[in-house]
C-alpha atoms as a PDB file:
ATOM      1  CA  MET A   1       0.000   0.000   0.000  1.00  0.00           C
ATOM      2  CA  SER A   2       1.136   3.541  -0.689  1.00  0.00           C
ATOM      3  CA  ALA A   3       1.698   6.123   2.020  1.00  0.00           C
ATOM      4  CA  GLU A   4      -1.526   7.911   1.077  1.00  0.00           C
ATOM      5  CA  GLN A   5      -3.529   4.695   1.337  1.00  0.00           C
ATOM      6  CA  LEU A   6      -2.005   3.869   4.693  1.00  0.00           C
ATOM      7  CA  ALA A   7      -2.790   7.371   5.970  1.00  0.00           C
ATOM      8  CA  GLY A   8      -6.387   7.029   4.787  1.00  0.00           C
ATOM      9  CA  LEU A   9      -6.647   3.615   6.456  1.00  0.00           C
ATOM     10  CA  SER A  10      -5.339   5.141   9.681  1.00  0.00           C
ATOM     11  CA  ASP A  11      -8.086   7.774   9.575  1.00  0.00           C
ATOM     12  CA  LEU A  12     -10.701   5.052   9.069  1.00  0.00           C
ATOM     13  CA  PHE A  13      -9.315   3.119  12.023  1.00  0.00           C
ATOM     14  CA  VAL A  14      -9.667   6.225  14.197  1.00  0.00           C
ATOM     15  CA  VAL A  15     -13.323   6.617  13.193  1.00  0.00           C
ATOM     16  CA  ALA A  16     -13.924   2.930  13.902  1.00  0.00           C
ATOM     17  CA  ALA A  17     -12.279   3.279  17.314  1.00  0.00           C
ATOM     18  CA  VAL A  18     -14.511   6.250  18.160  1.00  0.00           C
ATOM     19  CA  LEU A  19     -17.668   4.279  17.312  1.00  0.00           C
ATOM     20  CA  LEU A  20     -16.556   1.133  19.134  1.00  0.00           C
ATOM     21  CA  TYR A  21     -15.543   3.099  22.234  1.00  0.00           C
ATOM     22  CA  LEU A  22     -18.910   4.862  22.121  1.00  0.00           C
ATOM     23  CA  PHE A  23     -20.887   1.615  21.947  1.00  0.00           C
ATOM     24  CA  SER A  24     -18.691   0.122  24.654  1.00  0.00           C
ATOM     25  CA  MET A  25     -19.373   3.136  26.860  1.00  0.00           C
ATOM     26  CA  ILE A  26     -23.130   2.700  26.372  1.00  0.00           C
ATOM     27  CA  ALA A  27     -22.951  -0.989  27.329  1.00  0.00           C
ATOM     28  CA  PHE A  28     -20.788  -0.225  30.374  1.00  0.00           C
ATOM     29  CA  ALA A  29     -23.219   2.520  31.411  1.00  0.00           C
ATOM     30  CA  ALA A  30     -26.172   0.135  31.097  1.00  0.00           C
ATOM     31  CA  GLU A  31     -24.433  -2.400  33.307  1.00  0.00           C
ATOM     32  CA  LEU A  32     -23.591   0.264  35.892  1.00  0.00           C
ATOM     33  CA  ALA A  33     -27.071   1.813  35.853  1.00  0.00           C
ATOM     34  CA  PHE A  34     -28.978  -1.466  36.260  1.00  0.00           C
ATOM     35  CA  GLY A  35     -26.392  -3.501  38.147  1.00  0.00           C
ATOM     36  CA  ARG A  36     -26.331  -4.472  41.794  1.00  0.00           C
ATOM     37  CA  ALA A  37     -26.321  -1.628  44.298  1.00  0.00           C
ATOM     38  CA  ARG A  38     -23.450  -1.695  46.787  1.00  0.00           C
ATOM     39  CA  THR A  39     -22.914  -0.402  50.274  1.00  0.00           C
ATOM     40  CA  ASN A  40     -19.925   1.812  50.971  1.00  0.00           C
ATOM     41  CA  THR A  41     -17.758  -1.154  52.041  1.00  0.00           C
ATOM     42  CA  ALA A  42     -17.254  -4.620  50.728  1.00  0.00           C
ATOM     43  CA  ALA A  43     -18.563  -6.075  53.988  1.00  0.00           C
ATOM     44  CA  GLY A  44     -21.598  -3.841  53.997  1.00  0.00           C
ATOM     45  CA  ALA A  45     -20.532  -1.889  57.069  1.00  0.00           C
ATOM     46  CA  ALA A  46     -19.907   1.806  56.989  1.00  0.00           C
ATOM     47  CA  VAL A  47     -16.174   2.489  57.067  1.00  0.00           C
ATOM     48  CA  PRO A  48     -15.024   6.102  57.287  1.00  0.00           C
ATOM     49  CA  ALA A  49     -13.167   7.399  54.230  1.00  0.00           C
ATOM     50  CA  SER A  50     -10.796   9.594  56.204  1.00  0.00           C
ATOM     51  CA  THR A  51      -9.616  10.255  59.733  1.00  0.00           C
ATOM     52  CA  SER A  52     -11.927  13.217  60.092  1.00  0.00           C
ATOM     53  CA  ASP A  53     -14.903  11.136  59.003  1.00  0.00           C
ATOM     54  CA  ALA A  54     -14.051   8.526  61.670  1.00  0.00           C
ATOM     55  CA  ALA A  55     -14.503  10.947  64.541  1.00  0.00           C
ATOM     56  CA  VAL A  56     -17.804  10.325  66.364  1.00  0.00           C
ATOM     57  CA  SER A  57     -18.986  12.465  69.227  1.00  0.00           C
ATOM     58  CA  ASP A  58     -19.774  10.956  72.633  1.00  0.00           C
ATOM     59  CA  GLY A  59     -23.355  12.186  72.374  1.00  0.00           C
ATOM     60  CA  ALA A  60     -23.860  10.421  69.061  1.00  0.00           C
ATOM     61  CA  ALA A  61     -22.425   7.191  70.504  1.00  0.00           C
ATOM     62  CA  LEU A  62     -24.770   7.421  73.512  1.00  0.00           C
ATOM     63  CA  ASP A  63     -27.784   7.998  71.276  1.00  0.00           C
ATOM     64  CA  ALA A  64     -26.819   5.004  69.156  1.00  0.00           C
ATOM     65  CA  ALA A  65     -26.495   2.794  72.251  1.00  0.00           C
ATOM     66  CA  LEU A  66     -29.880   3.880  73.619  1.00  0.00           C
ATOM     67  CA  GLU A  67     -31.484   3.258  70.250  1.00  0.00           C
ATOM     68  CA  ALA A  68     -29.959  -0.228  70.068  1.00  0.00           C
ATOM     69  CA  VAL A  69     -31.267  -1.123  73.570  1.00  0.00           C
ATOM     70  CA  THR A  70     -34.724   0.175  72.744  1.00  0.00           C
ATOM     71  CA  THR A  71     -34.838  -1.735  69.488  1.00  0.00           C
ATOM     72  CA  GLU A  72     -33.700  -4.968  71.140  1.00  0.00           C
ATOM     73  CA  ALA A  73     -36.376  -4.663  73.804  1.00  0.00           C
ATOM     74  CA  ALA A  74     -39.045  -3.998  71.228  1.00  0.00           C
ATOM     75  CA  VAL A  75     -38.008  -7.035  69.247  1.00  0.00           C
ATOM     76  CA  LYS A  76     -38.113  -9.301  72.289  1.00  0.00           C
ATOM     77  CA  VAL A  77     -41.536  -8.038  73.377  1.00  0.00           C
ATOM     78  CA  GLY A  78     -43.009  -8.391  69.908  1.00  0.00           C
ATOM     79  CA  ALA A  79     -41.272 -11.613  68.942  1.00  0.00           C
ATOM     80  CA  SER A  80     -44.177 -13.940  69.537  1.00  0.00           C
ATOM     81  CA  VAL A  81     -46.665 -11.545  68.023  1.00  0.00           C
ATOM     82  CA  SER A  82     -44.630 -10.996  64.891  1.00  0.00           C
ATOM     83  CA  ALA A  83     -43.929 -14.718  64.531  1.00  0.00           C
ATOM     84  CA  GLY A  84     -47.622 -15.497  64.787  1.00  0.00           C
ATOM     85  CA  ALA A  85     -48.457 -12.759  62.328  1.00  0.00           C
ATOM     86  CA  ALA A  86     -45.855 -14.133  59.969  1.00  0.00           C
ATOM     87  CA  ARG A  87     -47.369 -17.627  60.161  1.00  0.00           C
ATOM     88  CA  GLY A  88     -50.837 -16.230  59.643  1.00  0.00           C
ATOM     89  CA  ALA A  89     -49.721 -14.272  56.613  1.00  0.00           C
ATOM     90  CA  GLY A  90     -47.792 -17.199  55.183  1.00  0.00           C
ATOM     91  CA  LEU A  91     -44.412 -15.462  55.543  1.00  0.00           C
ATOM     92  CA  PRO A  92     -41.290 -17.210  56.781  1.00  0.00           C
ATOM     93  CA  ALA A  93     -40.170 -15.946  60.148  1.00  0.00           C
ATOM     94  CA  GLU A  94     -36.555 -14.940  60.722  1.00  0.00           C
ATOM     95  CA  PRO A  95     -34.721 -15.908  63.941  1.00  0.00           C
ATOM     96  CA  GLY A  96     -36.122 -13.735  66.709  1.00  0.00           C
ATOM     97  CA  GLY A  97     -39.646 -13.814  65.343  1.00  0.00           C
ATOM     98  CA  VAL A  98     -39.259 -10.990  62.817  1.00  0.00           C
ATOM     99  CA  PRO A  99     -40.825 -11.705  59.408  1.00  0.00           C
ATOM    100  CA  ALA A 100     -38.283 -12.129  56.648  1.00  0.00           C
ATOM    101  CA  THR A 101     -38.308  -9.311  54.152  1.00  0.00           C
ATOM    102  CA  ASP A 102     -36.042  -8.329  51.315  1.00  0.00           C
ATOM    103  CA  GLY A 103     -33.112  -6.266  52.587  1.00  0.00           C
ATOM    104  CA  PRO A 104     -32.906  -2.663  51.386  1.00  0.00           C
ATOM    105  CA  HIS A 105     -29.178  -2.808  50.670  1.00  0.00           C
ATOM    106  CA  GLU A 106     -29.126  -5.167  47.728  1.00  0.00           C
ATOM    107  CA  VAL A 107     -30.976  -4.899  44.449  1.00  0.00           C
ATOM    108  CA  GLU A 108     -30.986  -7.953  42.261  1.00  0.00           C
ATOM    109  CA  PRO A 109     -30.024  -6.860  38.716  1.00  0.00           C
ATOM    110  CA  PRO A 110     -31.818  -8.096  35.589  1.00  0.00           C
ATOM    111  CA  ARG A 111     -30.324 -11.125  33.879  1.00  0.00           C
ATOM    112  CA  TRP A 112     -29.148  -9.179  30.861  1.00  0.00           C
ATOM    113  CA  VAL A 113     -26.882  -6.916  32.934  1.00  0.00           C
ATOM    114  CA  ALA A 114     -24.031  -9.416  33.122  1.00  0.00           C
ATOM    115  CA  ARG A 115     -24.246  -9.955  29.379  1.00  0.00           C
ATOM    116  CA  ALA A 116     -24.104  -6.178  28.814  1.00  0.00           C
ATOM    117  CA  GLY A 117     -20.861  -6.038  30.783  1.00  0.00           C
ATOM    118  CA  GLN A 118     -19.341  -8.810  28.708  1.00  0.00           C
ATOM    119  CA  VAL A 119     -20.390  -7.092  25.476  1.00  0.00           C
ATOM    120  CA  ALA A 120     -18.925  -3.819  26.745  1.00  0.00           C
ATOM    121  CA  VAL A 121     -15.549  -5.445  27.421  1.00  0.00           C
ATOM    122  CA  ALA A 122     -15.567  -7.117  23.983  1.00  0.00           C
ATOM    123  CA  LEU A 123     -16.386  -3.817  22.261  1.00  0.00           C
ATOM    124  CA  GLY A 124     -13.661  -2.144  24.293  1.00  0.00           C
ATOM    125  CA  TRP A 125     -11.097  -4.637  23.019  1.00  0.00           C
ATOM    126  CA  LEU A 126     -12.304  -4.161  19.443  1.00  0.00           C
ATOM    127  CA  GLY A 127     -11.976  -0.386  19.849  1.00  0.00           C
ATOM    128  CA  TRP A 128      -8.527  -0.894  21.346  1.00  0.00           C
ATOM    129  CA  ALA A 129      -7.528  -2.954  18.290  1.00  0.00           C
ATOM    130  CA  ALA A 130      -8.855  -0.258  15.937  1.00  0.00           C
ATOM    131  CA  ASN A 131      -6.987   2.412  17.917  1.00  0.00           C
ATOM    132  CA  LEU A 132      -3.801   0.356  17.679  1.00  0.00           C
ATOM    133  CA  GLY A 133      -4.363  -0.119  13.949  1.00  0.00           C
ATOM    134  CA  ALA A 134      -4.676   3.648  13.536  1.00  0.00           C
ATOM    135  CA  ILE A 135      -1.347   4.212  15.271  1.00  0.00           C
ATOM    136  CA  VAL A 136       0.490   1.467  13.373  1.00  0.00           C
ATOM    137  CA  THR A 137      -0.775   2.464   9.918  1.00  0.00           C
ATOM    138  CA  ARG A 138      -0.049   6.128  10.652  1.00  0.00           C
ATOM    139  CA  GLY A 139       3.521   5.203  11.552  1.00  0.00           C
ATOM    140  CA  LEU A 140       3.919   3.148   8.396  1.00  0.00           C
ATOM    141  CA  ALA A 141       2.490   5.988   6.304  1.00  0.00           C
ATOM    142  CA  VAL A 142       4.962   8.579   7.609  1.00  0.00           C
ATOM    143  CA  ASP A 143       7.873   6.177   8.216  1.00  0.00           C
ATOM    144  CA  ARG A 144       8.530   7.453  11.753  1.00  0.00           C
ATOM    145  CA  TRP A 145       7.204   7.177  15.306  1.00  0.00           C
ATOM    146  CA  PRO A 146       3.547   8.297  15.038  1.00  0.00           C
ATOM    147  CA  TRP A 147       3.374  10.814  17.878  1.00  0.00           C
ATOM    148  CA  ALA A 148       5.140  13.910  16.623  1.00  0.00           C
ATOM    149  CA  ASN A 149       2.185  16.333  16.692  1.00  0.00           C
ATOM    150  CA  MET A 150      -0.826  16.992  18.892  1.00  0.00           C
ATOM    151  CA  TYR A 151      -3.178  14.878  16.775  1.00  0.00           C
ATOM    152  CA  GLU A 152      -0.975  11.805  16.941  1.00  0.00           C
ATOM    153  CA  PHE A 153      -0.191  12.417  20.598  1.00  0.00           C
ATOM    154  CA  VAL A 154      -3.853  12.560  21.681  1.00  0.00           C
ATOM    155  CA  VAL A 155      -4.672   9.447  19.650  1.00  0.00           C
ATOM    156  CA  ALA A 156      -1.828   7.650  21.440  1.00  0.00           C
ATOM    157  CA  ILE A 157      -2.899   8.874  24.906  1.00  0.00           C
ATOM    158  CA  SER A 158      -6.476   7.674  24.288  1.00  0.00           C
ATOM    159  CA  PHE A 159      -5.017   4.304  23.368  1.00  0.00           C
ATOM    160  CA  ALA A 160      -2.859   4.268  26.513  1.00  0.00           C
ATOM    161  CA  ALA A 161      -5.817   5.108  28.788  1.00  0.00           C
ATOM    162  CA  VAL A 162      -7.936   2.295  27.346  1.00  0.00           C
ATOM    163  CA  THR A 163      -4.949  -0.063  27.541  1.00  0.00           C
ATOM    164  CA  ALA A 164      -4.498   0.728  31.235  1.00  0.00           C
ATOM    165  CA  PHE A 165      -8.187   0.086  31.902  1.00  0.00           C
ATOM    166  CA  LEU A 166      -8.403  -3.179  29.943  1.00  0.00           C
ATOM    167  CA  ALA A 167      -5.140  -4.479  31.407  1.00  0.00           C
ATOM    168  CA  THR A 168      -6.427  -3.774  34.911  1.00  0.00           C
ATOM    169  CA  GLN A 169      -9.705  -5.482  34.036  1.00  0.00           C
ATOM    170  CA  LEU A 170      -7.749  -8.656  33.254  1.00  0.00           C
ATOM    171  CA  ARG A 171      -6.543  -8.781  36.870  1.00  0.00           C
ATOM    172  CA  GLN A 172      -9.596  -7.526  38.751  1.00  0.00           C
ATOM    173  CA  ASN A 173     -13.150  -6.503  38.018  1.00  0.00           C
ATOM    174  CA  VAL A 174     -13.063  -2.745  37.398  1.00  0.00           C
ATOM    175  CA  ARG A 175     -15.887  -2.567  34.877  1.00  0.00           C
ATOM    176  CA  PHE A 176     -17.393   0.248  36.938  1.00  0.00           C
ATOM    177  CA  LEU A 177     -14.652   2.459  35.450  1.00  0.00           C
ATOM    178  CA  GLY A 178     -15.658   1.487  31.923  1.00  0.00           C
ATOM    179  CA  PRO A 179     -18.258   4.170  31.139  1.00  0.00           C
ATOM    180  CA  PHE A 180     -15.957   6.964  32.239  1.00  0.00           C
ATOM    181  CA  VAL A 181     -12.725   5.708  30.651  1.00  0.00           C
ATOM    182  CA  MET A 182     -14.533   5.028  27.377  1.00  0.00           C
ATOM    183  CA  VAL A 183     -16.210   8.421  27.288  1.00  0.00           C
ATOM    184  CA  MET A 184     -12.836  10.101  27.855  1.00  0.00           C
ATOM    185  CA  ALA A 185     -11.292   8.039  25.055  1.00  0.00           C
ATOM    186  CA  THR A 186     -14.221   8.825  22.750  1.00  0.00           C
ATOM    187  CA  LEU A 187     -14.054  12.551  23.449  1.00  0.00           C
ATOM    188  CA  GLY A 188     -10.262  12.532  23.138  1.00  0.00           C
ATOM    189  CA  LEU A 189     -10.328  10.901  19.704  1.00  0.00           C
ATOM    190  CA  GLY A 190     -13.216  13.119  18.602  1.00  0.00           C
ATOM    191  CA  PHE A 191     -11.299  16.218  19.709  1.00  0.00           C
ATOM    192  CA  ALA A 192      -8.215  14.967  17.868  1.00  0.00           C
ATOM    193  CA  VAL A 193     -10.154  14.423  14.648  1.00  0.00           C
ATOM    194  CA  LYS A 194     -12.216  17.632  14.699  1.00  0.00           C
ATOM    195  CA  VAL A 195      -9.717  20.120  16.140  1.00  0.00           C
ATOM    196  CA  LEU A 196      -6.185  18.726  16.101  1.00  0.00           C
ATOM    197  CA  TYR A 197      -6.126  16.761  12.868  1.00  0.00           C
ATOM    198  CA  THR A 198      -2.874  17.044  10.936  1.00  0.00           C
ATOM    199  CA  ALA A 199      -2.322  15.314   7.609  1.00  0.00           C
ATOM    200  CA  ALA A 200       0.315  12.604   7.573  1.00  0.00           C
ATOM    201  CA  GLY A 201       3.676  14.035   6.574  1.00  0.00           C
ATOM    202  CA  PRO A 202       7.259  14.777   7.585  1.00  0.00           C
ATOM    203  CA  VAL A 203       8.198  16.559  10.804  1.00  0.00           C
ATOM    204  CA  VAL A 204      10.790  19.108  11.830  1.00  0.00           C
ATOM    205  CA  PRO A 205      14.378  17.782  12.059  1.00  0.00           C
ATOM    206  CA  ALA A 206      14.393  17.935  15.866  1.00  0.00           C
ATOM    207  CA  LEU A 207      11.770  15.167  15.949  1.00  0.00           C
ATOM    208  CA  ASN A 208      13.710  12.834  13.675  1.00  0.00           C
ATOM    209  CA  SER A 209      15.376  11.269  16.672  1.00  0.00           C
ATOM    210  CA  TYR A 210      15.284   8.015  18.586  1.00  0.00           C
ATOM    211  CA  TRP A 211      14.425  10.131  21.648  1.00  0.00           C
ATOM    212  CA  VAL A 212      10.833  10.290  20.379  1.00  0.00           C
ATOM    213  CA  ALA A 213      10.538   6.576  21.027  1.00  0.00           C
ATOM    214  CA  ILE A 214      11.984   7.021  24.530  1.00  0.00           C
ATOM    215  CA  HIS A 215      10.728  10.331  25.901  1.00  0.00           C
ATOM    216  CA  VAL A 216       7.305  10.603  24.258  1.00  0.00           C
ATOM    217  CA  THR A 217       6.442   6.936  24.722  1.00  0.00           C
ATOM    218  CA  ALA A 218       7.105   7.199  28.449  1.00  0.00           C
ATOM    219  CA  ALA A 219       4.944  10.336  28.634  1.00  0.00           C
ATOM    220  CA  ILE A 220       2.113   8.566  26.802  1.00  0.00           C
ATOM    221  CA  LEU A 221       2.216   5.464  29.017  1.00  0.00           C
ATOM    222  CA  SER A 222       2.253   7.433  32.253  1.00  0.00           C
ATOM    223  CA  SER A 223      -0.520   9.746  31.022  1.00  0.00           C
ATOM    224  CA  GLY A 224      -2.752   6.756  30.329  1.00  0.00           C
ATOM    225  CA  LEU A 225      -2.274   5.466  33.876  1.00  0.00           C
ATOM    226  CA  PHE A 226      -2.759   8.925  35.369  1.00  0.00           C
ATOM    227  CA  THR A 227      -6.053   9.130  33.454  1.00  0.00           C
ATOM    228  CA  LEU A 228      -7.229   5.879  35.015  1.00  0.00           C
ATOM    229  CA  ALA A 229      -6.342   7.220  38.476  1.00  0.00           C
ATOM    230  CA  ALA A 230      -8.191  10.473  37.774  1.00  0.00           C
ATOM    231  CA  VAL A 231     -11.359   8.606  36.778  1.00  0.00           C
ATOM    232  CA  ALA A 232     -11.230   6.616  40.030  1.00  0.00           C
ATOM    233  CA  GLY A 233     -10.618   9.841  41.973  1.00  0.00           C
ATOM    234  CA  ILE A 234     -13.604  11.604  40.437  1.00  0.00           C
ATOM    235  CA  LEU A 235     -15.844   8.629  41.216  1.00  0.00           C
ATOM    236  CA  TYR A 236     -14.519   8.652  44.787  1.00  0.00           C
ATOM    237  CA  LEU A 237     -15.660  12.248  45.243  1.00  0.00           C
ATOM    238  CA  LEU A 238     -19.061  11.498  43.675  1.00  0.00           C
ATOM    239  CA  ARG A 239     -19.681   8.334  45.674  1.00  0.00           C
ATOM    240  CA  GLY A 240     -22.198   8.828  48.499  1.00  0.00           C
ATOM    241  CA  ASP A 241     -22.310   7.130  51.889  1.00  0.00           C
ATOM    242  CA  GLY A 242     -25.367   4.969  51.249  1.00  0.00           C
ATOM    243  CA  LEU A 243     -26.263   2.472  48.571  1.00  0.00           C
ATOM    244  CA  SER A 244     -24.746   3.151  45.193  1.00  0.00           C
ATOM    245  CA  ARG A 245     -24.018   1.440  41.911  1.00  0.00           C
ATOM    246  CA  LEU A 246     -20.405   2.462  42.452  1.00  0.00           C
ATOM    247  CA  PRO A 247     -18.019   0.346  44.538  1.00  0.00           C
ATOM    248  CA  ALA A 248     -16.844   1.309  47.991  1.00  0.00           C
ATOM    249  CA  ARG A 249     -14.626   4.351  48.387  1.00  0.00           C
ATOM    250  CA  THR A 250     -11.804   2.168  49.660  1.00  0.00           C
ATOM    251  CA  ASP A 251     -11.833   0.224  46.386  1.00  0.00           C
ATOM    252  CA  LEU A 252     -11.824   3.413  44.313  1.00  0.00           C
ATOM    253  CA  GLU A 253      -8.960   4.875  46.316  1.00  0.00           C
ATOM    254  CA  ARG A 254      -7.006   1.635  45.970  1.00  0.00           C
ATOM    255  CA  VAL A 255      -7.348   1.688  42.175  1.00  0.00           C
ATOM    256  CA  ALA A 256      -6.278   5.344  41.978  1.00  0.00           C
ATOM    257  CA  HIS A 257      -3.296   4.888  44.280  1.00  0.00           C
ATOM    258  CA  ARG A 258      -1.968   1.814  42.508  1.00  0.00           C
ATOM    259  CA  ALA A 259      -2.224   3.508  39.123  1.00  0.00           C
ATOM    260  CA  ILE A 260      -0.281   6.526  40.399  1.00  0.00           C
ATOM    261  CA  VAL A 261       2.370   4.373  42.085  1.00  0.00           C
ATOM    262  CA  LEU A 262       2.925   2.596  38.777  1.00  0.00           C
ATOM    263  CA  SER A 263       2.839   5.678  36.545  1.00  0.00           C
ATOM    264  CA  PHE A 264       4.884   8.105  38.653  1.00  0.00           C
ATOM    265  CA  PRO A 265       8.269   6.434  37.979  1.00  0.00           C
ATOM    266  CA  ILE A 266       7.428   6.341  34.263  1.00  0.00           C
ATOM    267  CA  TRP A 267       6.624  10.062  34.291  1.00  0.00           C
ATOM    268  CA  THR A 268       9.862  10.710  36.194  1.00  0.00           C
ATOM    269  CA  PHE A 269      11.762   8.869  33.491  1.00  0.00           C
ATOM    270  CA  ALA A 270       9.917  10.876  30.804  1.00  0.00           C
ATOM    271  CA  VAL A 271      10.995  14.167  32.412  1.00  0.00           C
ATOM    272  CA  ILE A 272      14.614  13.025  32.682  1.00  0.00           C
ATOM    273  CA  ALA A 273      14.614  11.713  29.106  1.00  0.00           C
ATOM    274  CA  GLY A 274      13.178  15.028  27.935  1.00  0.00           C
ATOM    275  CA  ALA A 275      16.069  16.872  29.570  1.00  0.00           C
ATOM    276  CA  LEU A 276      18.587  14.577  27.889  1.00  0.00           C
ATOM    277  CA  TRP A 277      16.884  15.088  24.535  1.00  0.00           C
ATOM    278  CA  ALA A 278      16.883  18.862  25.077  1.00  0.00           C
ATOM    279  CA  ASP A 279      20.634  18.771  25.660  1.00  0.00           C
ATOM    280  CA  LYS A 280      21.156  16.835  22.447  1.00  0.00           C
ATOM    281  CA  ALA A 281      18.799  19.011  20.373  1.00  0.00           C
ATOM    282  CA  TRP A 282      19.335  22.481  21.868  1.00  0.00           C
ATOM    283  CA  GLY A 283      22.571  22.197  23.835  1.00  0.00           C
ATOM    284  CA  ARG A 284      21.064  22.552  27.351  1.00  0.00           C
ATOM    285  CA  TYR A 285      19.211  20.324  29.791  1.00  0.00           C
ATOM    286  CA  TRP A 286      16.825  22.970  31.103  1.00  0.00           C
ATOM    287  CA  GLY A 287      15.684  26.249  29.600  1.00  0.00           C
ATOM    288  CA  TRP A 288      12.462  27.168  31.436  1.00  0.00           C
ATOM    289  CA  ASP A 289      10.399  26.359  28.370  1.00  0.00           C
ATOM    290  CA  PRO A 290       6.663  26.263  29.315  1.00  0.00           C
ATOM    291  CA  LYS A 291       6.423  22.557  28.494  1.00  0.00           C
ATOM    292  CA  GLU A 292       9.416  21.805  30.706  1.00  0.00           C
ATOM    293  CA  VAL A 293       8.076  23.921  33.555  1.00  0.00           C
ATOM    294  CA  TRP A 294       4.614  22.336  33.541  1.00  0.00           C
ATOM    295  CA  ALA A 295       6.034  18.834  33.222  1.00  0.00           C
ATOM    296  CA  PHE A 296       8.037  19.539  36.381  1.00  0.00           C
ATOM    297  CA  ILE A 297       5.011  21.087  38.146  1.00  0.00           C
ATOM    298  CA  THR A 298       3.031  17.945  37.344  1.00  0.00           C
ATOM    299  CA  TRP A 299       5.822  15.819  38.772  1.00  0.00           C
ATOM    300  CA  VAL A 300       5.956  17.904  41.959  1.00  0.00           C
ATOM    301  CA  VAL A 301       2.209  17.672  42.640  1.00  0.00           C
ATOM    302  CA  TYR A 302       2.103  13.911  42.094  1.00  0.00           C
ATOM    303  CA  ALA A 303       5.181  13.582  44.301  1.00  0.00           C
ATOM    304  CA  ALA A 304       3.386  15.632  46.971  1.00  0.00           C
ATOM    305  CA  TYR A 305       0.430  13.243  46.804  1.00  0.00           C
ATOM    306  CA  LEU A 306       2.626  10.178  47.241  1.00  0.00           C
ATOM    307  CA  HIS A 307       4.712  11.812  49.981  1.00  0.00           C
ATOM    308  CA  ALA A 308       1.681  12.978  51.968  1.00  0.00           C
ATOM    309  CA  ARG A 309       0.067   9.569  51.697  1.00  0.00           C
ATOM    310  CA  ALA A 310       3.198   7.714  52.765  1.00  0.00           C
ATOM    311  CA  THR A 311       4.371  10.000  55.605  1.00  0.00           C
ATOM    312  CA  ALA A 312       1.357  11.940  56.884  1.00  0.00           C
ATOM    313  CA  GLY A 313      -1.114   9.153  56.248  1.00  0.00           C
ATOM    314  CA  TRP A 314      -3.347  11.193  53.976  1.00  0.00           C
ATOM    315  CA  ARG A 315      -6.345   9.185  52.868  1.00  0.00           C
ATOM    316  CA  GLY A 316      -9.750   9.874  51.464  1.00  0.00           C
ATOM    317  CA  ARG A 317     -11.090  13.090  50.005  1.00  0.00           C
ATOM    318  CA  ALA A 318      -8.031  15.275  50.584  1.00  0.00           C
ATOM    319  CA  ALA A 319      -5.716  12.812  48.856  1.00  0.00           C
ATOM    320  CA  MET A 320      -8.096  12.443  45.913  1.00  0.00           C
ATOM    321  CA  ILE A 321      -8.311  16.208  45.493  1.00  0.00           C
ATOM    322  CA  VAL A 322      -4.509  16.508  45.419  1.00  0.00           C
ATOM    323  CA  GLN A 323      -4.153  13.841  42.736  1.00  0.00           C
ATOM    324  CA  LEU A 324      -6.899  15.475  40.656  1.00  0.00           C
ATOM    325  CA  VAL A 325      -5.067  18.796  40.888  1.00  0.00           C
ATOM    326  CA  ALA A 326      -1.999  16.953  39.610  1.00  0.00           C
ATOM    327  CA  PHE A 327      -4.042  15.515  36.756  1.00  0.00           C
ATOM    328  CA  GLY A 328      -5.237  19.019  35.893  1.00  0.00           C
ATOM    329  CA  CYS A 329      -1.588  20.105  35.680  1.00  0.00           C
ATOM    330  CA  LEU A 330      -0.926  17.110  33.439  1.00  0.00           C
ATOM    331  CA  LEU A 331      -3.757  18.026  31.060  1.00  0.00           C
ATOM    332  CA  PHE A 332      -2.586  21.623  30.858  1.00  0.00           C
ATOM    333  CA  ASN A 333       0.938  20.446  30.153  1.00  0.00           C
ATOM    334  CA  LEU A 334      -0.178  18.084  27.403  1.00  0.00           C
ATOM    335  CA  VAL A 335      -2.718  20.335  25.681  1.00  0.00           C
ATOM    336  CA  GLY A 336      -2.995  23.771  27.282  1.00  0.00           C
ATOM    337  CA  VAL A 337       0.665  24.698  26.935  1.00  0.00           C
ATOM    338  CA  ASN A 338       0.548  24.091  23.193  1.00  0.00           C
ATOM    339  CA  ILE A 339      -2.652  26.109  22.799  1.00  0.00           C
ATOM    340  CA  PHE A 340      -1.973  29.062  25.096  1.00  0.00           C
ATOM    341  CA  LEU A 341       1.770  29.315  25.720  1.00  0.00           C
ATOM    342  CA  GLY A 342       3.761  27.847  22.826  1.00  0.00           C
ATOM    343  CA  GLY A 343       7.535  27.885  23.259  1.00  0.00           C
ATOM    344  CA  LEU A 344      10.137  25.538  21.855  1.00  0.00           C
ATOM    345  CA  HIS A 345       7.492  22.821  21.597  1.00  0.00           C
ATOM    346  CA  SER A 346       5.413  24.913  19.192  1.00  0.00           C
ATOM    347  CA  TYR A 347       6.020  22.323  16.462  1.00  0.00           C
ATOM    348  CA  ALA A 348       3.262  20.312  18.196  1.00  0.00           C
ATOM    349  CA  ASP A 349       0.869  23.247  18.225  1.00  0.00           C
ATOM    350  CA  VAL A 350      -2.801  23.092  17.220  1.00  0.00           C
ATOM    351  CA  PRO A 351      -3.157  23.494  13.429  1.00  0.00           C
END
């Protein structure tokens, strides 16, 4: 195939990926909307999300104790009456004479919900394959690493985010993240096609370097994992204390933290590799270019999150807010700098 045909095939793969991610998002959303409701902990007991949430006043504890005693007495007094009423009404009686009723904390999902989740995962893998095909054919069309401009970079980051989600799904059930990861990937590819699209072609000499494969690839991989952590962090903040279709806050925080622990060293390597590339291309390691500054700011905020969690024991809402601030810095570094600030990385600017 000629370069033009390969470039056209790459564009078709991107469109296919957008549609498949969209359908996958719809299936994931259906599973989440009609799936089983969960309490805020895996065991069904309320566990505080942070140290401040765990504090209970003495008055509240006393009220709870009095209420428990009153309830126990009422159950004992009415045990025989309720048991007889249960037998008369044809209802099975629970131990203690209380009629058995359906518990309020569990909603049995329809049978098709599990199938919707399986279809969503399958569509996600098909979209992932189409996204990969778009990257590979683009690289073959231009005969270089296919992330030398904003269009190619956003396509690659969308691929990395979906890869992080699907790879995690292979190890544990995180389908609850599916609707949100897929909608971000769909919007990212749509934004790349409608706003950032750049025709396949040669790049400036500075990008004809093996450092593209080292520095930019590391930035793409870490950005995909940071995106997964941000989705879990947003869901953590949205998750209420009662019944919810979302998992417990502890599970959401665990997913976010593990993704950041894995991606932070990769981002650190990307920053260092960028400095080495800058020395080779421009004769200096650091020049206060906006992209360099914001890459370092992003590193500092993520480092602050990890440090505060490891030393000060930060958990819960405060920690999630810090990592979302870091993700905001990451987004501005990846997209905002090129749109609003420019600098030596202006070769990746919006067309």
